[in-house]
């Protein structure tokens, strides 16, 4: 009898345990299901929110182009063609070019007066177009400020560096003109005076048009023959190309670096073929850079009595 009761008790215990386990399992499954449902609901909610929020695109935004020197806004720009690479590249190159026209300023070189003192001079200002184009090609939706790279370079000349600067001639070149051609000679004389005593430190650049300035009657320039499209025509300032050509031969002989030079459309008689440097206001310019590690001074003399124009590039004895 005891054995029977023991067996019945064991069976009851097993059944109770099984029922309890089943109840626990069902409860846990319901809890797990509830958690999974909440997680699924949250995911669905987040997905819906993402669909509601618009995706920012570069072409939909407006960017501020800022001067790298001051941080001031120069222009607002909307890159509407950003996805069309060819069209967009053309657009931003044009934009960079237009901005540069309003910024780029050639260096105004320092001159030495009759007392040996330095006068004038102003810095070169350059907008690096290629760098700006690169910045505009790499726009993103998080940074709406675009740097416009503008660099300034002051003339590299000091009073100490030009001591004795006219002592030694690096190269000299002379050309001849007719003393009887008074109008043309006046133009040669004025342009020679404009470049006389210009001082260039190491790395300094020179622009003939910038240095001589616009050739106008108000500034004393006279009508004289000049070459345009292989024809001799009358123009204000005719003859100044003789000065630029004489200057070219002198600085070339001195070993300075020519950075811009154009030939006349017709041979000129005052220099050998191919040794000329034509210039015009708003057109061709003659430019060079002092690539030496010492300053040089340009001396220019136009003797209207003898009809001789001489340009001499000089420096100091201690610099050589």
C-alpha atoms as a PDB file:
ATOM      1  CA  UNK A   1       0.000   0.000   0.000  1.00  0.00           C
ATOM      2  CA  UNK A   2       2.818   2.383   0.836  1.00  0.00           C
ATOM      3  CA  UNK A   3       4.394   1.668  -2.520  1.00  0.00           C
ATOM      4  CA  UNK A   4       1.163   2.538  -4.310  1.00  0.00           C
ATOM      5  CA  UNK A   5       0.800   5.812  -2.394  1.00  0.00           C
ATOM      6  CA  UNK A   6       4.452   6.689  -3.114  1.00  0.00           C
ATOM      7  CA  UNK A   7       3.925   6.069  -6.813  1.00  0.00           C
ATOM      8  CA  UNK A   8       0.799   8.177  -6.865  1.00  0.00           C
ATOM      9  CA  UNK A   9       2.584  11.003  -5.046  1.00  0.00           C
ATOM     10  CA  UNK A  10       5.499  10.895  -7.483  1.00  0.00           C
ATOM     11  CA  UNK A  11       3.107  10.974 -10.421  1.00  0.00           C
ATOM     12  CA  UNK A  12       1.255  13.954  -8.961  1.00  0.00           C
ATOM     13  CA  UNK A  13       4.522  15.783  -8.443  1.00  0.00           C
ATOM     14  CA  UNK A  14       5.609  15.140 -12.031  1.00  0.00           C
ATOM     15  CA  UNK A  15       2.246  16.306 -13.397  1.00  0.00           C
ATOM     16  CA  UNK A  16       2.381  19.457 -11.257  1.00  0.00           C
ATOM     17  CA  UNK A  17       5.885  20.226 -12.424  1.00  0.00           C
ATOM     18  CA  UNK A  18       4.923  19.689 -16.039  1.00  0.00           C
ATOM     19  CA  UNK A  19       1.898  21.997 -15.679  1.00  0.00           C
ATOM     20  CA  UNK A  20       4.045  24.649 -13.995  1.00  0.00           C
ATOM     21  CA  UNK A  21       6.709  24.390 -16.711  1.00  0.00           C
ATOM     22  CA  UNK A  22       4.079  24.648 -19.444  1.00  0.00           C
ATOM     23  CA  UNK A  23       2.581  27.739 -17.814  1.00  0.00           C
ATOM     24  CA  UNK A  24       6.056  29.343 -17.509  1.00  0.00           C
ATOM     25  CA  UNK A  25       6.932  28.518 -21.096  1.00  0.00           C
ATOM     26  CA  UNK A  26       3.685  29.980 -22.383  1.00  0.00           C
ATOM     27  CA  UNK A  27       4.187  33.142 -20.296  1.00  0.00           C
ATOM     28  CA  UNK A  28       7.782  33.575 -21.504  1.00  0.00           C
ATOM     29  CA  UNK A  29       6.723  33.044 -25.126  1.00  0.00           C
ATOM     30  CA  UNK A  30       4.041  35.698 -24.733  1.00  0.00           C
ATOM     31  CA  UNK A  31       6.567  38.133 -23.227  1.00  0.00           C
ATOM     32  CA  UNK A  32       9.068  37.449 -26.025  1.00  0.00           C
ATOM     33  CA  UNK A  33       6.373  37.929 -28.629  1.00  0.00           C
ATOM     34  CA  UNK A  34       5.338  41.207 -27.032  1.00  0.00           C
ATOM     35  CA  UNK A  35       8.939  42.471 -27.003  1.00  0.00           C
ATOM     36  CA  UNK A  36       9.430  41.473 -30.627  1.00  0.00           C
ATOM     37  CA  UNK A  37       6.200  43.228 -31.580  1.00  0.00           C
ATOM     38  CA  UNK A  38       7.362  46.427 -29.841  1.00  0.00           C
ATOM     39  CA  UNK A  39      10.747  46.262 -31.577  1.00  0.00           C
ATOM     40  CA  UNK A  40       9.096  45.670 -34.932  1.00  0.00           C
ATOM     41  CA  UNK A  41       6.755  48.588 -34.294  1.00  0.00           C
ATOM     42  CA  UNK A  42       9.711  50.882 -33.441  1.00  0.00           C
ATOM     43  CA  UNK A  43      11.580  49.845 -36.592  1.00  0.00           C
ATOM     44  CA  UNK A  44       8.501  50.492 -38.662  1.00  0.00           C
ATOM     45  CA  UNK A  45       8.097  53.889 -36.992  1.00  0.00           C
ATOM     46  CA  UNK A  46      11.734  54.868 -37.659  1.00  0.00           C
ATOM     47  CA  UNK A  47      11.455  53.735 -41.250  1.00  0.00           C
ATOM     48  CA  UNK A  48       8.344  55.841 -41.677  1.00  0.00           C
ATOM     49  CA  UNK A  49      10.121  58.861 -40.159  1.00  0.00           C
ATOM     50  CA  UNK A  50      13.025  58.455 -42.578  1.00  0.00           C
ATOM     51  CA  UNK A  51      10.627  58.394 -45.482  1.00  0.00           C
ATOM     52  CA  UNK A  52       9.011  61.584 -44.215  1.00  0.00           C
ATOM     53  CA  UNK A  53      12.354  63.469 -43.917  1.00  0.00           C
ATOM     54  CA  UNK A  54      13.675  64.814 -47.273  1.00  0.00           C
ATOM     55  CA  UNK A  55      17.209  63.694 -48.225  1.00  0.00           C
ATOM     56  CA  UNK A  56      19.548  66.704 -48.519  1.00  0.00           C
ATOM     57  CA  UNK A  57      21.248  67.045 -51.892  1.00  0.00           C
ATOM     58  CA  UNK A  58      24.124  69.332 -52.804  1.00  0.00           C
ATOM     59  CA  UNK A  59      22.223  70.756 -55.758  1.00  0.00           C
ATOM     60  CA  UNK A  60      19.340  71.838 -53.488  1.00  0.00           C
ATOM     61  CA  UNK A  61      21.511  73.893 -51.121  1.00  0.00           C
ATOM     62  CA  UNK A  62      22.922  77.420 -51.294  1.00  0.00           C
ATOM     63  CA  UNK A  63      26.618  77.878 -50.534  1.00  0.00           C
ATOM     64  CA  UNK A  64      28.475  80.971 -49.393  1.00  0.00           C
ATOM     65  CA  UNK A  65      31.719  81.744 -51.186  1.00  0.00           C
ATOM     66  CA  UNK A  66      33.983  83.463 -48.660  1.00  0.00           C
ATOM     67  CA  UNK A  67      37.170  85.474 -49.080  1.00  0.00           C
ATOM     68  CA  UNK A  68      39.988  83.364 -47.595  1.00  0.00           C
ATOM     69  CA  UNK A  69      41.638  86.521 -46.234  1.00  0.00           C
ATOM     70  CA  UNK A  70      38.700  88.090 -44.395  1.00  0.00           C
ATOM     71  CA  UNK A  71      35.953  85.467 -44.227  1.00  0.00           C
ATOM     72  CA  UNK A  72      33.541  87.891 -45.859  1.00  0.00           C
ATOM     73  CA  UNK A  73      30.874  86.491 -48.177  1.00  0.00           C
ATOM     74  CA  UNK A  74      31.716  87.332 -51.788  1.00  0.00           C
ATOM     75  CA  UNK A  75      28.876  85.492 -53.456  1.00  0.00           C
ATOM     76  CA  UNK A  76      26.063  83.024 -52.817  1.00  0.00           C
ATOM     77  CA  UNK A  77      26.109  80.015 -55.108  1.00  0.00           C
ATOM     78  CA  UNK A  78      23.511  77.331 -55.846  1.00  0.00           C
ATOM     79  CA  UNK A  79      25.058  74.317 -57.669  1.00  0.00           C
ATOM     80  CA  UNK A  80      21.947  73.348 -59.639  1.00  0.00           C
ATOM     81  CA  UNK A  81      23.975  71.381 -62.233  1.00  0.00           C
ATOM     82  CA  UNK A  82      26.118  69.514 -59.686  1.00  0.00           C
ATOM     83  CA  UNK A  83      25.107  66.056 -60.973  1.00  0.00           C
ATOM     84  CA  UNK A  84      25.936  66.914 -64.599  1.00  0.00           C
ATOM     85  CA  UNK A  85      29.745  66.923 -64.378  1.00  0.00           C
ATOM     86  CA  UNK A  86      30.522  68.457 -67.781  1.00  0.00           C
ATOM     87  CA  UNK A  87      27.986  71.265 -67.454  1.00  0.00           C
ATOM     88  CA  UNK A  88      28.888  71.898 -63.819  1.00  0.00           C
ATOM     89  CA  UNK A  89      32.647  72.010 -64.471  1.00  0.00           C
ATOM     90  CA  UNK A  90      32.117  74.556 -67.229  1.00  0.00           C
ATOM     91  CA  UNK A  91      29.885  76.603 -64.952  1.00  0.00           C
ATOM     92  CA  UNK A  92      32.309  76.766 -62.024  1.00  0.00           C
ATOM     93  CA  UNK A  93      35.299  77.516 -64.259  1.00  0.00           C
ATOM     94  CA  UNK A  94      33.367  80.467 -65.661  1.00  0.00           C
ATOM     95  CA  UNK A  95      32.451  81.550 -62.133  1.00  0.00           C
ATOM     96  CA  UNK A  96      36.089  81.382 -60.990  1.00  0.00           C
ATOM     97  CA  UNK A  97      37.194  83.388 -64.019  1.00  0.00           C
ATOM     98  CA  UNK A  98      34.607  86.110 -63.399  1.00  0.00           C
ATOM     99  CA  UNK A  99      35.548  86.405 -59.724  1.00  0.00           C
ATOM    100  CA  UNK A 100      39.250  86.568 -60.602  1.00  0.00           C
ATOM    101  CA  UNK A 101      38.665  89.478 -62.994  1.00  0.00           C
ATOM    102  CA  UNK A 102      37.411  91.553 -60.106  1.00  0.00           C
ATOM    103  CA  UNK A 103      40.217  90.470 -57.768  1.00  0.00           C
ATOM    104  CA  UNK A 104      43.465  89.927 -59.683  1.00  0.00           C
ATOM    105  CA  UNK A 105      45.815  92.885 -59.431  1.00  0.00           C
ATOM    106  CA  UNK A 106      49.350  92.901 -60.854  1.00  0.00           C
ATOM    107  CA  UNK A 107      52.180  93.914 -58.591  1.00  0.00           C
ATOM    108  CA  UNK A 108      53.002  97.610 -58.750  1.00  0.00           C
ATOM    109  CA  UNK A 109      56.759  97.630 -58.527  1.00  0.00           C
ATOM    110  CA  UNK A 110      58.774  99.832 -56.220  1.00  0.00           C
ATOM    111  CA  UNK A 111      60.870 102.558 -57.839  1.00  0.00           C
ATOM    112  CA  UNK A 112      63.984 104.369 -56.719  1.00  0.00           C
ATOM    113  CA  UNK A 113      63.943 108.165 -56.826  1.00  0.00           C
ATOM    114  CA  UNK A 114      66.812 110.511 -57.641  1.00  0.00           C
ATOM    115  CA  UNK A 115      67.884 110.497 -53.989  1.00  0.00           C
ATOM    116  CA  UNK A 116      68.115 106.722 -53.829  1.00  0.00           C
ATOM    117  CA  UNK A 117      64.969 106.355 -51.745  1.00  0.00           C
ATOM    118  CA  UNK A 118      62.336 103.701 -52.442  1.00  0.00           C
ATOM    119  CA  UNK A 119      58.889 104.927 -53.466  1.00  0.00           C
ATOM    120  CA  UNK A 120      55.521 103.463 -54.420  1.00  0.00           C
ATOM    121  CA  UNK A 121      54.835  99.788 -54.842  1.00  0.00           C
ATOM    122  CA  UNK A 122      51.770  97.697 -54.087  1.00  0.00           C
ATOM    123  CA  UNK A 123      51.130  94.011 -53.590  1.00  0.00           C
ATOM    124  CA  UNK A 124      50.031  91.489 -56.184  1.00  0.00           C
ATOM    125  CA  UNK A 125      46.613  89.958 -55.515  1.00  0.00           C
ATOM    126  CA  UNK A 126      45.713  86.664 -57.165  1.00  0.00           C
ATOM    127  CA  UNK A 127      42.613  84.462 -56.960  1.00  0.00           C
ATOM    128  CA  UNK A 128      43.759  80.876 -57.593  1.00  0.00           C
ATOM    129  CA  UNK A 129      41.065  79.784 -60.050  1.00  0.00           C
ATOM    130  CA  UNK A 130      42.060  76.108 -60.195  1.00  0.00           C
ATOM    131  CA  UNK A 131      41.951  75.864 -56.405  1.00  0.00           C
ATOM    132  CA  UNK A 132      38.491  77.447 -56.255  1.00  0.00           C
ATOM    133  CA  UNK A 133      37.227  75.073 -58.954  1.00  0.00           C
ATOM    134  CA  UNK A 134      38.496  72.117 -56.915  1.00  0.00           C
ATOM    135  CA  UNK A 135      36.712  73.420 -53.807  1.00  0.00           C
ATOM    136  CA  UNK A 136      33.463  73.713 -55.766  1.00  0.00           C
ATOM    137  CA  UNK A 137      33.854  70.211 -57.171  1.00  0.00           C
ATOM    138  CA  UNK A 138      34.018  68.768 -53.642  1.00  0.00           C
ATOM    139  CA  UNK A 139      30.900  70.256 -52.068  1.00  0.00           C
ATOM    140  CA  UNK A 140      28.997  68.378 -49.369  1.00  0.00           C
ATOM    141  CA  UNK A 141      25.751  68.873 -47.452  1.00  0.00           C
ATOM    142  CA  UNK A 142      27.383  69.523 -44.077  1.00  0.00           C
ATOM    143  CA  UNK A 143      29.682  72.452 -44.906  1.00  0.00           C
ATOM    144  CA  UNK A 144      28.013  75.369 -46.686  1.00  0.00           C
ATOM    145  CA  UNK A 145      31.017  77.727 -46.580  1.00  0.00           C
ATOM    146  CA  UNK A 146      33.387  77.569 -49.557  1.00  0.00           C
ATOM    147  CA  UNK A 147      36.841  79.157 -49.359  1.00  0.00           C
ATOM    148  CA  UNK A 148      37.761  81.476 -52.211  1.00  0.00           C
ATOM    149  CA  UNK A 149      41.594  81.204 -52.253  1.00  0.00           C
ATOM    150  CA  UNK A 150      43.059  84.697 -52.616  1.00  0.00           C
ATOM    151  CA  UNK A 151      46.774  85.301 -52.143  1.00  0.00           C
ATOM    152  CA  UNK A 152      48.686  88.544 -51.706  1.00  0.00           C
ATOM    153  CA  UNK A 153      52.371  89.093 -52.441  1.00  0.00           C
ATOM    154  CA  UNK A 154      54.130  92.344 -51.556  1.00  0.00           C
ATOM    155  CA  UNK A 155      57.228  93.565 -53.442  1.00  0.00           C
ATOM    156  CA  UNK A 156      60.286  91.831 -52.019  1.00  0.00           C
ATOM    157  CA  UNK A 157      62.408  94.952 -51.661  1.00  0.00           C
ATOM    158  CA  UNK A 158      63.926  96.690 -48.636  1.00  0.00           C
ATOM    159  CA  UNK A 159      66.175  99.702 -48.252  1.00  0.00           C
ATOM    160  CA  UNK A 160      68.971  97.444 -47.003  1.00  0.00           C
ATOM    161  CA  UNK A 161      68.719  95.037 -49.946  1.00  0.00           C
ATOM    162  CA  UNK A 162      69.143  97.759 -52.598  1.00  0.00           C
ATOM    163  CA  UNK A 163      72.323  99.343 -51.308  1.00  0.00           C
ATOM    164  CA  UNK A 164      74.605  99.908 -54.317  1.00  0.00           C
ATOM    165  CA  UNK A 165      72.043  98.282 -56.644  1.00  0.00           C
ATOM    166  CA  UNK A 166      73.099 100.300 -59.720  1.00  0.00           C
ATOM    167  CA  UNK A 167      76.802  99.466 -59.464  1.00  0.00           C
ATOM    168  CA  UNK A 168      76.991  96.506 -61.866  1.00  0.00           C
ATOM    169  CA  UNK A 169      75.351  95.966 -65.262  1.00  0.00           C
ATOM    170  CA  UNK A 170      73.954  92.480 -65.831  1.00  0.00           C
ATOM    171  CA  UNK A 171      72.903  93.248 -69.421  1.00  0.00           C
ATOM    172  CA  UNK A 172      72.247  96.242 -71.616  1.00  0.00           C
ATOM    173  CA  UNK A 173      70.458  96.616 -74.951  1.00  0.00           C
ATOM    174  CA  UNK A 174      70.023  99.574 -77.305  1.00  0.00           C
ATOM    175  CA  UNK A 175      67.797 100.293 -80.315  1.00  0.00           C
ATOM    176  CA  UNK A 176      67.621 103.263 -82.650  1.00  0.00           C
ATOM    177  CA  UNK A 177      64.789 105.548 -83.796  1.00  0.00           C
ATOM    178  CA  UNK A 178      64.518 108.606 -86.072  1.00  0.00           C
ATOM    179  CA  UNK A 179      65.024 111.862 -84.129  1.00  0.00           C
ATOM    180  CA  UNK A 180      62.783 113.651 -86.650  1.00  0.00           C
ATOM    181  CA  UNK A 181      59.694 111.592 -85.764  1.00  0.00           C
ATOM    182  CA  UNK A 182      58.732 113.793 -82.820  1.00  0.00           C
ATOM    183  CA  UNK A 183      55.353 112.223 -81.949  1.00  0.00           C
ATOM    184  CA  UNK A 184      56.668 108.688 -81.906  1.00  0.00           C
ATOM    185  CA  UNK A 185      59.795 109.740 -80.058  1.00  0.00           C
ATOM    186  CA  UNK A 186      57.674 111.347 -77.350  1.00  0.00           C
ATOM    187  CA  UNK A 187      55.879 108.046 -76.828  1.00  0.00           C
ATOM    188  CA  UNK A 188      59.177 106.169 -76.614  1.00  0.00           C
ATOM    189  CA  UNK A 189      60.470 108.738 -74.153  1.00  0.00           C
ATOM    190  CA  UNK A 190      57.379 108.584 -71.894  1.00  0.00           C
ATOM    191  CA  UNK A 191      57.354 104.788 -71.783  1.00  0.00           C
ATOM    192  CA  UNK A 192      61.096 104.696 -71.057  1.00  0.00           C
ATOM    193  CA  UNK A 193      60.580 107.101 -68.153  1.00  0.00           C
ATOM    194  CA  UNK A 194      57.803 104.853 -66.816  1.00  0.00           C
ATOM    195  CA  UNK A 195      60.059 101.801 -66.547  1.00  0.00           C
ATOM    196  CA  UNK A 196      63.192 103.683 -65.490  1.00  0.00           C
ATOM    197  CA  UNK A 197      64.362 102.964 -61.931  1.00  0.00           C
ATOM    198  CA  UNK A 198      61.908 100.118 -61.359  1.00  0.00           C
ATOM    199  CA  UNK A 199      63.315  97.796 -58.680  1.00  0.00           C
ATOM    200  CA  UNK A 200      62.472  94.085 -58.552  1.00  0.00           C
ATOM    201  CA  UNK A 201      63.340  91.977 -55.539  1.00  0.00           C
ATOM    202  CA  UNK A 202      63.772  88.192 -55.728  1.00  0.00           C
ATOM    203  CA  UNK A 203      60.547  86.652 -57.040  1.00  0.00           C
ATOM    204  CA  UNK A 204      58.947  90.006 -57.934  1.00  0.00           C
ATOM    205  CA  UNK A 205      56.949  90.134 -61.168  1.00  0.00           C
ATOM    206  CA  UNK A 206      56.768  92.919 -63.754  1.00  0.00           C
ATOM    207  CA  UNK A 207      53.940  93.887 -66.105  1.00  0.00           C
ATOM    208  CA  UNK A 208      54.724  96.381 -68.851  1.00  0.00           C
ATOM    209  CA  UNK A 209      51.113  97.503 -69.247  1.00  0.00           C
ATOM    210  CA  UNK A 210      50.688  97.892 -65.494  1.00  0.00           C
ATOM    211  CA  UNK A 211      53.927  99.857 -65.163  1.00  0.00           C
ATOM    212  CA  UNK A 212      53.531 102.147 -68.182  1.00  0.00           C
ATOM    213  CA  UNK A 213      49.778 102.553 -67.749  1.00  0.00           C
ATOM    214  CA  UNK A 214      47.131 103.425 -70.300  1.00  0.00           C
ATOM    215  CA  UNK A 215      48.397 105.382 -73.260  1.00  0.00           C
ATOM    216  CA  UNK A 216      46.153 108.444 -73.561  1.00  0.00           C
ATOM    217  CA  UNK A 217      46.428 111.997 -74.852  1.00  0.00           C
ATOM    218  CA  UNK A 218      45.732 113.229 -71.325  1.00  0.00           C
ATOM    219  CA  UNK A 219      48.874 111.453 -70.164  1.00  0.00           C
ATOM    220  CA  UNK A 220      50.956 113.007 -72.933  1.00  0.00           C
ATOM    221  CA  UNK A 221      50.990 110.216 -75.507  1.00  0.00           C
ATOM    222  CA  UNK A 222      50.841 111.216 -79.163  1.00  0.00           C
ATOM    223  CA  UNK A 223      49.346 109.710 -82.329  1.00  0.00           C
ATOM    224  CA  UNK A 224      51.969 107.730 -84.226  1.00  0.00           C
ATOM    225  CA  UNK A 225      52.128 104.687 -86.527  1.00  0.00           C
ATOM    226  CA  UNK A 226      51.622 101.266 -84.942  1.00  0.00           C
ATOM    227  CA  UNK A 227      51.227  97.749 -86.352  1.00  0.00           C
ATOM    228  CA  UNK A 228      47.757  96.211 -86.191  1.00  0.00           C
ATOM    229  CA  UNK A 229      46.907  93.094 -88.220  1.00  0.00           C
ATOM    230  CA  UNK A 230      50.032  93.472 -90.380  1.00  0.00           C
ATOM    231  CA  UNK A 231      49.114  97.058 -91.240  1.00  0.00           C
ATOM    232  CA  UNK A 232      50.624 100.350 -90.147  1.00  0.00           C
ATOM    233  CA  UNK A 233      47.868 102.532 -88.686  1.00  0.00           C
ATOM    234  CA  UNK A 234      47.834 105.654 -86.573  1.00  0.00           C
ATOM    235  CA  UNK A 235      47.239 105.125 -82.882  1.00  0.00           C
ATOM    236  CA  UNK A 236      47.787 106.942 -79.607  1.00  0.00           C
ATOM    237  CA  UNK A 237      51.061 105.732 -78.164  1.00  0.00           C
ATOM    238  CA  UNK A 238      52.578 104.298 -81.342  1.00  0.00           C
ATOM    239  CA  UNK A 239      56.243 103.481 -80.638  1.00  0.00           C
ATOM    240  CA  UNK A 240      55.935 102.139 -77.111  1.00  0.00           C
ATOM    241  CA  UNK A 241      56.540  98.634 -78.456  1.00  0.00           C
ATOM    242  CA  UNK A 242      60.080  99.700 -79.212  1.00  0.00           C
ATOM    243  CA  UNK A 243      60.512 100.305 -75.499  1.00  0.00           C
ATOM    244  CA  UNK A 244      58.979  96.941 -74.544  1.00  0.00           C
ATOM    245  CA  UNK A 245      61.083  95.143 -77.163  1.00  0.00           C
ATOM    246  CA  UNK A 246      64.288  96.837 -76.018  1.00  0.00           C
ATOM    247  CA  UNK A 247      63.394  95.925 -72.429  1.00  0.00           C
ATOM    248  CA  UNK A 248      62.808  92.297 -73.436  1.00  0.00           C
ATOM    249  CA  UNK A 249      66.254  91.970 -74.997  1.00  0.00           C
ATOM    250  CA  UNK A 250      67.900  93.515 -71.943  1.00  0.00           C
ATOM    251  CA  UNK A 251      66.163  91.348 -69.351  1.00  0.00           C
ATOM    252  CA  UNK A 252      66.627  88.269 -71.534  1.00  0.00           C
ATOM    253  CA  UNK A 253      70.333  89.018 -71.654  1.00  0.00           C
ATOM    254  CA  UNK A 254      70.335  89.378 -67.870  1.00  0.00           C
ATOM    255  CA  UNK A 255      68.761  85.946 -67.529  1.00  0.00           C
ATOM    256  CA  UNK A 256      65.469  87.041 -65.968  1.00  0.00           C
ATOM    257  CA  UNK A 257      62.415  84.827 -66.558  1.00  0.00           C
ATOM    258  CA  UNK A 258      59.979  85.933 -69.281  1.00  0.00           C
ATOM    259  CA  UNK A 259      56.411  84.939 -68.386  1.00  0.00           C
ATOM    260  CA  UNK A 260      54.422  86.628 -71.199  1.00  0.00           C
ATOM    261  CA  UNK A 261      55.538  87.884 -74.612  1.00  0.00           C
ATOM    262  CA  UNK A 262      53.841  88.248 -78.006  1.00  0.00           C
ATOM    263  CA  UNK A 263      55.267  89.034 -81.445  1.00  0.00           C
ATOM    264  CA  UNK A 264      54.074  91.742 -83.812  1.00  0.00           C
ATOM    265  CA  UNK A 265      52.041  90.579 -86.803  1.00  0.00           C
ATOM    266  CA  UNK A 266      54.661  92.222 -89.002  1.00  0.00           C
ATOM    267  CA  UNK A 267      58.443  92.482 -88.726  1.00  0.00           C
ATOM    268  CA  UNK A 268      59.753  95.604 -86.983  1.00  0.00           C
ATOM    269  CA  UNK A 269      63.040  97.156 -87.936  1.00  0.00           C
ATOM    270  CA  UNK A 270      64.462  98.135 -84.556  1.00  0.00           C
ATOM    271  CA  UNK A 271      65.210  94.559 -83.352  1.00  0.00           C
ATOM    272  CA  UNK A 272      66.084  91.315 -85.187  1.00  0.00           C
ATOM    273  CA  UNK A 273      63.223  89.047 -86.278  1.00  0.00           C
ATOM    274  CA  UNK A 274      61.674  87.219 -83.355  1.00  0.00           C
ATOM    275  CA  UNK A 275      63.231  89.514 -80.767  1.00  0.00           C
ATOM    276  CA  UNK A 276      60.271  91.880 -80.382  1.00  0.00           C
ATOM    277  CA  UNK A 277      57.607  92.181 -77.659  1.00  0.00           C
ATOM    278  CA  UNK A 278      54.348  93.775 -78.774  1.00  0.00           C
ATOM    279  CA  UNK A 279      52.013  95.339 -76.204  1.00  0.00           C
ATOM    280  CA  UNK A 280      48.641  97.089 -76.189  1.00  0.00           C
ATOM    281  CA  UNK A 281      46.353  98.341 -73.456  1.00  0.00           C
ATOM    282  CA  UNK A 282      43.773  95.651 -72.761  1.00  0.00           C
ATOM    283  CA  UNK A 283      45.611  93.262 -75.096  1.00  0.00           C
ATOM    284  CA  UNK A 284      49.062  91.639 -75.240  1.00  0.00           C
ATOM    285  CA  UNK A 285      51.368  92.389 -72.333  1.00  0.00           C
ATOM    286  CA  UNK A 286      55.039  91.820 -71.714  1.00  0.00           C
ATOM    287  CA  UNK A 287      55.748  90.261 -68.319  1.00  0.00           C
ATOM    288  CA  UNK A 288      58.748  88.825 -66.554  1.00  0.00           C
ATOM    289  CA  UNK A 289      59.904  87.758 -63.093  1.00  0.00           C
ATOM    290  CA  UNK A 290      63.137  88.361 -61.251  1.00  0.00           C
ATOM    291  CA  UNK A 291      64.269  84.780 -60.765  1.00  0.00           C
ATOM    292  CA  UNK A 292      67.529  85.819 -59.119  1.00  0.00           C
ATOM    293  CA  UNK A 293      68.185  85.690 -55.386  1.00  0.00           C
ATOM    294  CA  UNK A 294      69.099  89.395 -55.384  1.00  0.00           C
ATOM    295  CA  UNK A 295      67.279  92.590 -56.442  1.00  0.00           C
ATOM    296  CA  UNK A 296      67.779  94.288 -59.795  1.00  0.00           C
ATOM    297  CA  UNK A 297      67.007  97.772 -61.080  1.00  0.00           C
ATOM    298  CA  UNK A 298      65.954  98.752 -64.608  1.00  0.00           C
ATOM    299  CA  UNK A 299      67.556 101.808 -66.133  1.00  0.00           C
ATOM    300  CA  UNK A 300      65.997 103.174 -69.328  1.00  0.00           C
ATOM    301  CA  UNK A 301      67.178 106.191 -71.356  1.00  0.00           C
ATOM    302  CA  UNK A 302      65.641 107.594 -74.533  1.00  0.00           C
ATOM    303  CA  UNK A 303      67.868 110.237 -76.125  1.00  0.00           C
ATOM    304  CA  UNK A 304      65.608 112.041 -78.592  1.00  0.00           C
ATOM    305  CA  UNK A 305      68.573 114.012 -79.974  1.00  0.00           C
ATOM    306  CA  UNK A 306      70.668 111.006 -80.983  1.00  0.00           C
ATOM    307  CA  UNK A 307      67.727 108.625 -81.509  1.00  0.00           C
ATOM    308  CA  UNK A 308      69.011 105.931 -79.155  1.00  0.00           C
ATOM    309  CA  UNK A 309      66.982 104.001 -76.588  1.00  0.00           C
ATOM    310  CA  UNK A 310      68.940 101.990 -74.022  1.00  0.00           C
ATOM    311  CA  UNK A 311      67.699  99.649 -71.308  1.00  0.00           C
ATOM    312  CA  UNK A 312      70.208  98.479 -68.721  1.00  0.00           C
ATOM    313  CA  UNK A 313      69.554  95.843 -66.035  1.00  0.00           C
ATOM    314  CA  UNK A 314      71.786  96.457 -63.025  1.00  0.00           C
ATOM    315  CA  UNK A 315      72.451  95.112 -59.549  1.00  0.00           C
ATOM    316  CA  UNK A 316      74.956  95.537 -56.721  1.00  0.00           C
ATOM    317  CA  UNK A 317      78.482  94.199 -56.707  1.00  0.00           C
ATOM    318  CA  UNK A 318      77.961  92.256 -53.460  1.00  0.00           C
ATOM    319  CA  UNK A 319      74.972  90.354 -54.891  1.00  0.00           C
ATOM    320  CA  UNK A 320      76.847  88.584 -57.641  1.00  0.00           C
END
